[in-house]
Amino acid sequence: MLLKQASFILSPYLELPPEEVHPKLEIPPEQKLGDVSLPCFAFAKALRQPPAAIAQRLADVINADRSDLRAEVAGGYLNLFFHGEHWRSEFVQRALGERYGRSDAGKGKRIVIDMSSPNIAKPFGIGHLRSTMIGNALVRMYRAMGYDVYNVNHIGDWGTQFGKLIVAYLKWGDRQALEQAPIRESLRLYVEFHRQAEQRPELEDEAREAFAKLERGDAAMRELWQYFVDESLKEFQRVYERLGVEFDSYAGESFYNDKIDPVVRKLEELELLEEDAGARIVRLEEEGLPPCLILKKDGSTIYAVRDLATALYRNEELKADEILYVVGAEQSLHFQQVFSVLRKMGHGWAANCRHVPFGLITINGKKMSTRRGKVVMLEEVLDEAAERALRIIDGKNPDLANKEAVAEAVGVGAIVFGDLKHHRQLSVDFNLEEAVSFEGETGPYLQYTHARIRSLLRRGKYEELRSRCSVDGTQLSSEPAWACIKTLSGYEAAIREAIRQNEPFVVAKYLLALAKDFNRFYNSGKIIYDGADEAGTFSKLSLAAAAADVLRDGLNLLGIQAPSEM
């Protein structure tokens, strides 16, 4: 909001439209350098003047024209100070608007986001959290900017691992145990297969043959596979409901099985396929990449060709303008190869396919492993977080209504924020005690700040005052109030930057900054005045309400609830 206002102010002086001015503006690192800064270096060549001279000329004209702004020059920078009281009231009123932080910037553009994508017949471990919650935040942020978003849970329901599971079930399976606890028994079988295969490598060949039969439509294999799929989806859905995550499609790898042959034929027509030790590959030496394996020696598919078919479907049938793949960084080479093959096939739109990588998530430094059965179940982590939150709430507010529901929101929010507050490409070593704390850079801290503001608004009878009062900027003249207003003004810019980088961390850090600035304002002086000073009370409560609204909305963008009482 502050940058947008500055772009409109500077537009006539620069003889540029506001949308061209806006990207050039910056928020200075220190208040003494102004509220908004314009680096003038970019104009030096066109105007044939030194940046400092350009900045000085602009400052002279602005200071002569406007009484509500002060312009200063520091080197090649033009620094603007908004010192009119009307700015304070205007910015607060805008922040209270229903669509504050929203934009139509993405109108008419469709983005497909591939996210979560757990493997069938394996537990939903905490390792799946990152793709799920990073993807969910991106879905919400892109929608906030007006994009038509179609999010896909590309379930891992196809591949050689099903051959392994089928072989393991036929050799060591217990039908009764499978019916009683399908995921636990599936994990036991998967672990047993890998344990046995270390001594009996021929099991790998049996697994490949079993999957080849499944691909050919063997009825018995298909029936067993479908059972594993159905039971897994039931478990996944329970977890997604707790996380507040929904999908437009659950089309997994198997959905594209009948779309693979046309891709292989097209690669043959384009003379891109080559034989290599019995397998079929596409060479990518000119792109500095190893060959992309398309078909194995036994003719079975590998996930590269399935991802080619998937991308083609999303472009042709879903009409995607962009496709984002929220998948771990360990798959970076795979996506480079897939996108390169698409380009070699003549698909220029491959430039709009983007891998959104993220680092590993560990518990006490240990990576999750389903092969050895070392899985930290996400539901168990959510349960423990909710229990810890309930104990804290019992200590702070024992009479709170719906304590269990609030504790669930706080516990889940703690886990989600504990992930999203990090740069996604960094690996995260999870510490549950820190994540659930009501202090520090945590989700519960933001939720508690929001709830405390809502309590303040109730005590100050804010809704009652709205019918007869208006925001008076002179009541918000303190430095802490202005700092909070300025941070509020950056909300839309934070969302835009988050989707530019495909990085929810940007919004997470913005919310922490807003909470910090609000709490400084809250502690700097009286907010609710006794007696007749309703204007002062209402103006300060309006700033508080704006902060609460943005905290609630921002947490929602991250997939986190904001209880009104804690």
Foldseek 3Di string as FASTA:
>chain_A
DVLLVVLVVCCVVVVHHSVVQSVQKDQDPDPVQARIKGQQCVCCVVVVHALQVSLVVSQVVPVVPDPQWHWDGDHNMIHIHGRDLVVLQVLLVLLPDPLPLAAQQAAPAEEEEEFLAEEFLAFQFCQSQLRQLLSLLLQLLVVSHNYHYAYERQHNLADLLLLQLVVLCVVPNDVVVCVVPVSVRSLVSLLVSLVVCVVVVCSSVSSVVLRVCVLVPPPVSVVVSVVRRVVRVVNVVVVCVLLVDDHNYHNYLVNCSVQLVVVVVLCVVLVQWDDDPQWIWGQDVVVVAHTHTAADNVRDGDVLSSVLSVVVCCCPPVVHLAYEYEEAPVCVNSLVNSLSVCVSSVDPSSVRYYYNHFYGEAEVPDGADSNNPRGHHPVVQLVVLLVVQLVVCCVVPVPDPPSSVVSSLLSSQLSLLLQQLDWRHDYHHDDSVVSSDCDDLHRNVLLVLLLVLLVVCVVLVLVVLVVPEGARSVLQNDPLSVQLSSLSSCSSVQSVVCNVSSGLSSLSVSSVSNSVSVVCVVPPDDQRDPDDVSNNNNNSSSSSVSNSVSSQVSSVSSSGHRDNHD
